[in-house]
Amino acid sequence: MYSRKIFQGLILGLLAAVIFSGTCYSQTIKQVFDHQLLVNQPSQSWEHRVDLPDQYAQQGLIFVKRNLKIVLPCFLVVEREELNANYYYVKVRLPKVLPESKRGIVEVELSIGNTVPVTPDLNPPTELSLSQHTAARKPAFLWKGDSVYSAVTLYDLDEGQTIFERVVDNKKRVCLFDEPYFLPLHRYIWAVKQVDETGKESAETQARFRIENQNGTVVVIQD
């Protein structure tokens, strides 16, 4: 009887070891970043980096997943982010349109585990278009996709540089040009790609448009 109990204990221990070794998540780290602009302050961006704590790195663990939440979605926007095995980076911005104070809080929850979970390949976004209900120099970008997040960029062909970046909740599938200034009468390429909770990205889909003055009226033309 005694030896049988030892044998059963060994079996249970082995099963527990197998279950533990296959677990993707072991710990989570939550960071809250609070930002504020006073009445007379212009638009501003902030960059944050969260490094994997040494005690987890020494165990061979890595960052495997992130959950990003904007607490005050009316004000704060996410410009860029990167999930790496050893660190997480996010750049946020408070656009200042009206001369009043602004505040924005972003919460990031980082999952730590031994392996990155295998997720389905992401399809590129489809049906890129500009909204017909916004001003030509303040466009709203629309697309279709089914992932958690989308990353949008706007490239000014005449200036030869990226002038706008946003990471948005993909359920909305819309991104407003929310900067306080109006876009100049230039040629543009805008692009969007899908991103899941592990940081996995789809291929990028692009579209072109230009803003022109036609007989005294500023119009946007989608190429």
Protein backbone atom coordinates (compact mmCIF):
# COMPACT_ATOMS: atom_id res chain seq x y z
CA MET A 1 0.00 0.00 0.00
CA TYR A 2 2.79 2.39 0.89
CA SER A 3 4.65 1.78 -2.39
CA ARG A 4 1.41 2.23 -4.31
CA LYS A 5 0.90 5.67 -2.76
CA ILE A 6 4.45 6.65 -3.68
CA PHE A 7 3.83 5.51 -7.26
CA GLN A 8 0.61 7.55 -7.44
CA GLY A 9 2.40 10.57 -6.03
CA LEU A 10 5.11 10.26 -8.68
CA ILE A 11 2.48 10.07 -11.44
CA LEU A 12 0.69 13.17 -10.14
CA GLY A 13 4.00 15.01 -9.89
CA LEU A 14 4.91 14.13 -13.45
CA LEU A 15 1.50 15.26 -14.70
CA ALA A 16 1.87 18.55 -12.86
CA ALA A 17 5.31 19.06 -14.40
CA VAL A 18 3.95 18.42 -17.89
CA ILE A 19 1.04 20.80 -17.36
CA PHE A 20 3.31 23.50 -15.95
CA SER A 21 5.85 23.15 -18.76
CA GLY A 22 3.12 23.64 -21.36
CA THR A 23 1.72 26.75 -19.74
CA CYS A 24 2.11 29.86 -21.93
CA TYR A 25 1.55 32.44 -19.19
CA SER A 26 3.04 32.46 -15.71
CA GLN A 27 3.02 36.09 -14.58
CA THR A 28 1.69 39.46 -15.66
CA ILE A 29 2.99 42.99 -15.24
CA LYS A 30 0.61 45.94 -15.32
CA GLN A 31 1.81 49.48 -15.99
CA VAL A 32 -0.30 52.64 -15.86
CA PHE A 33 0.97 55.79 -17.57
CA ASP A 34 -0.76 59.10 -16.83
CA HIS A 35 -0.29 62.15 -19.06
CA GLN A 36 -1.55 65.70 -18.91
CA LEU A 37 -1.36 68.92 -20.91
CA LEU A 38 -2.03 72.25 -19.28
CA VAL A 39 -4.18 74.92 -20.91
CA ASN A 40 -1.39 76.65 -22.82
CA GLN A 41 0.70 73.59 -23.68
CA PRO A 42 0.82 72.32 -27.31
CA SER A 43 0.37 68.72 -28.48
CA GLN A 44 2.93 66.37 -26.96
CA SER A 45 4.15 62.78 -27.30
CA TRP A 46 5.57 60.48 -24.61
CA GLU A 47 7.60 57.31 -24.98
CA HIS A 48 7.52 54.45 -22.46
CA ARG A 49 9.56 51.27 -22.25
CA VAL A 50 8.97 48.33 -19.92
CA ASP A 51 11.91 45.93 -19.60
CA LEU A 52 11.51 42.29 -18.64
CA PRO A 53 12.54 42.00 -14.95
CA ASP A 54 15.81 40.17 -14.36
CA GLN A 55 14.24 37.46 -12.24
CA TYR A 56 12.10 36.33 -15.19
CA ALA A 57 14.91 36.63 -17.72
CA GLN A 58 17.08 34.38 -15.53
CA GLN A 59 14.34 31.74 -15.69
CA GLY A 60 14.29 31.86 -19.47
CA LEU A 61 10.90 33.57 -19.57
CA ILE A 62 9.88 36.26 -22.07
CA PHE A 63 7.09 38.72 -22.82
CA VAL A 64 4.50 36.76 -24.80
CA LYS A 65 1.41 38.96 -24.98
CA ARG A 66 0.14 42.44 -24.26
CA ASN A 67 -3.21 44.04 -23.64
CA LEU A 68 -3.43 47.77 -24.30
CA LYS A 69 -6.23 49.90 -22.88
CA ILE A 70 -6.77 53.65 -23.12
CA VAL A 71 -8.67 54.81 -20.05
CA LEU A 72 -9.61 58.20 -21.45
CA PRO A 73 -10.17 57.40 -25.16
CA CYS A 74 -11.44 60.85 -26.07
CA PHE A 75 -7.99 62.40 -25.70
CA LEU A 76 -5.01 60.04 -25.69
CA VAL A 77 -3.91 58.22 -28.84
CA VAL A 78 -1.25 55.56 -29.43
CA GLU A 79 1.29 56.41 -32.12
CA ARG A 80 3.48 53.34 -32.11
CA GLU A 81 4.23 50.21 -30.11
CA GLU A 82 6.54 47.21 -30.18
CA LEU A 83 6.36 43.93 -28.27
CA ASN A 84 9.72 42.20 -27.93
CA ALA A 85 10.79 39.14 -25.94
CA ASN A 86 12.69 41.35 -23.49
CA TYR A 87 10.89 44.70 -23.60
CA TYR A 88 7.72 46.52 -24.55
CA TYR A 89 7.73 49.99 -26.10
CA VAL A 90 4.81 52.36 -26.62
CA LYS A 91 4.60 55.94 -27.83
CA VAL A 92 1.47 57.92 -26.97
CA ARG A 93 0.24 61.40 -27.80
CA LEU A 94 -2.18 64.02 -26.60
CA PRO A 95 -3.24 66.10 -29.63
CA LYS A 96 -4.19 69.63 -28.60
CA VAL A 97 -7.02 71.04 -30.67
CA LEU A 98 -8.69 73.44 -28.24
CA PRO A 99 -6.96 75.72 -25.68
CA GLU A 100 -7.93 73.64 -22.66
CA SER A 101 -6.25 71.09 -20.42
CA LYS A 102 -6.11 67.48 -21.58
CA ARG A 103 -5.44 64.23 -19.77
CA GLY A 104 -4.94 60.68 -20.98
CA ILE A 105 -4.18 57.40 -19.23
CA VAL A 106 -2.99 54.21 -20.88
CA GLU A 107 -2.85 50.82 -19.17
CA VAL A 108 -0.60 48.04 -20.44
CA GLU A 109 -0.79 44.48 -19.16
CA LEU A 110 2.16 42.31 -20.21
CA SER A 111 1.98 38.52 -19.96
CA ILE A 112 5.19 36.62 -19.20
CA GLY A 113 5.67 33.01 -20.19
CA ASN A 114 8.05 30.46 -21.66
CA THR A 115 6.80 30.54 -25.27
CA VAL A 116 4.85 32.91 -27.48
CA PRO A 117 1.44 31.34 -28.20
CA VAL A 118 0.88 30.26 -31.79
CA THR A 119 -1.78 32.49 -33.36
CA PRO A 120 -3.37 32.33 -36.81
CA ASP A 121 -1.75 34.28 -39.64
CA LEU A 122 -3.39 37.66 -40.08
CA ASN A 123 -4.94 38.66 -43.38
CA PRO A 124 -4.04 42.09 -44.74
CA PRO A 125 -6.74 44.75 -44.25
CA THR A 126 -9.15 45.26 -47.16
CA GLU A 127 -11.43 47.94 -48.61
CA LEU A 128 -9.30 50.94 -47.67
CA SER A 129 -11.15 54.21 -48.19
CA LEU A 130 -11.53 57.75 -46.89
CA SER A 131 -14.71 58.82 -45.17
CA GLN A 132 -17.04 61.05 -47.17
CA HIS A 133 -18.18 62.81 -44.00
CA THR A 134 -15.00 64.62 -43.01
CA ALA A 135 -13.18 67.65 -44.40
CA ALA A 136 -10.69 67.04 -47.21
CA ARG A 137 -7.76 68.21 -45.09
CA LYS A 138 -8.94 66.29 -41.99
CA PRO A 139 -9.51 62.79 -43.38
CA ALA A 140 -10.84 59.72 -41.59
CA PHE A 141 -9.31 56.43 -42.71
CA LEU A 142 -11.56 53.37 -43.05
CA TRP A 143 -10.81 49.69 -43.69
CA LYS A 144 -11.99 46.17 -42.94
CA GLY A 145 -10.17 43.60 -40.83
CA ASP A 146 -10.74 41.11 -38.04
CA SER A 147 -7.75 41.38 -35.69
CA VAL A 148 -7.47 43.02 -32.26
CA TYR A 149 -5.46 46.09 -33.27
CA SER A 150 -4.53 47.98 -36.42
CA ALA A 151 -1.51 50.18 -37.11
CA VAL A 152 -2.08 53.13 -39.46
CA THR A 153 0.58 55.34 -41.04
CA LEU A 154 0.35 58.37 -43.32
CA TYR A 155 3.25 59.19 -45.65
CA ASP A 156 3.57 62.60 -47.33
CA LEU A 157 4.97 61.97 -50.81
CA ASP A 158 5.83 65.63 -51.38
CA GLU A 159 7.69 65.94 -48.06
CA GLY A 160 9.18 62.44 -48.30
CA GLN A 161 8.40 61.44 -44.70
CA THR A 162 5.88 59.76 -42.44
CA ILE A 163 3.79 62.46 -40.75
CA PHE A 164 1.15 60.48 -38.84
CA GLU A 165 1.08 57.15 -36.96
CA ARG A 166 -1.67 55.56 -34.90
CA VAL A 167 -2.41 52.18 -33.27
CA VAL A 168 -6.15 51.73 -32.86
CA ASP A 169 -8.59 49.18 -31.53
CA ASN A 170 -9.53 47.24 -34.65
CA LYS A 171 -13.19 46.95 -33.64
CA LYS A 172 -13.56 50.59 -34.67
CA ARG A 173 -11.85 50.15 -38.06
CA VAL A 174 -11.57 53.92 -38.35
CA CYS A 175 -8.75 56.33 -37.64
CA LEU A 176 -9.25 60.10 -37.60
CA PHE A 177 -6.55 62.57 -38.52
CA ASP A 178 -6.75 64.21 -35.10
CA GLU A 179 -3.79 66.59 -35.20
CA PRO A 180 -4.60 70.29 -34.67
CA TYR A 181 -3.31 71.33 -38.10
CA PHE A 182 -4.82 70.72 -41.55
CA LEU A 183 -3.06 68.58 -44.12
CA PRO A 184 -1.42 70.61 -46.92
CA LEU A 185 -2.34 70.18 -50.58
CA HIS A 186 0.03 67.29 -51.16
CA ARG A 187 0.09 63.68 -52.41
CA TYR A 188 -0.13 60.94 -49.79
CA ILE A 189 0.13 57.20 -49.19
CA TRP A 190 -1.66 55.76 -46.21
CA ALA A 191 -1.18 52.21 -45.03
CA VAL A 192 -2.71 49.88 -42.46
CA LYS A 193 -1.76 46.48 -41.08
CA GLN A 194 -3.41 44.22 -38.54
CA VAL A 195 -1.74 43.33 -35.25
CA ASP A 196 -2.76 40.71 -32.69
CA GLU A 197 -2.19 40.53 -28.93
CA THR A 198 1.19 38.80 -29.34
CA GLY A 199 2.50 41.59 -31.57
CA LYS A 200 2.17 39.49 -34.71
CA GLU A 201 1.55 41.64 -37.79
CA SER A 202 -0.15 41.14 -41.13
CA ALA A 203 1.16 42.34 -44.45
CA GLU A 204 0.54 46.03 -45.06
CA THR A 205 -2.17 47.34 -47.38
CA GLN A 206 -1.69 50.75 -48.99
CA ALA A 207 -3.84 53.37 -50.69
CA ARG A 208 -3.10 56.75 -52.26
CA PHE A 209 -4.87 60.08 -52.31
CA ARG A 210 -4.13 63.70 -53.02
CA ILE A 211 -5.59 66.97 -51.79
CA GLU A 212 -6.14 69.64 -54.44
CA ASN A 213 -7.73 73.04 -54.92
CA GLN A 214 -10.26 72.80 -57.73
CA ASN A 215 -11.86 76.11 -58.69
CA GLY A 216 -11.52 77.47 -55.18
CA THR A 217 -12.71 74.31 -53.44
CA VAL A 218 -10.34 71.98 -51.60
CA VAL A 219 -11.11 68.37 -52.46
CA VAL A 220 -9.58 64.98 -51.73
CA ILE A 221 -9.08 62.60 -54.64
CA GLN A 222 -8.51 58.90 -53.96
CA ASP A 223 -6.21 57.37 -56.55
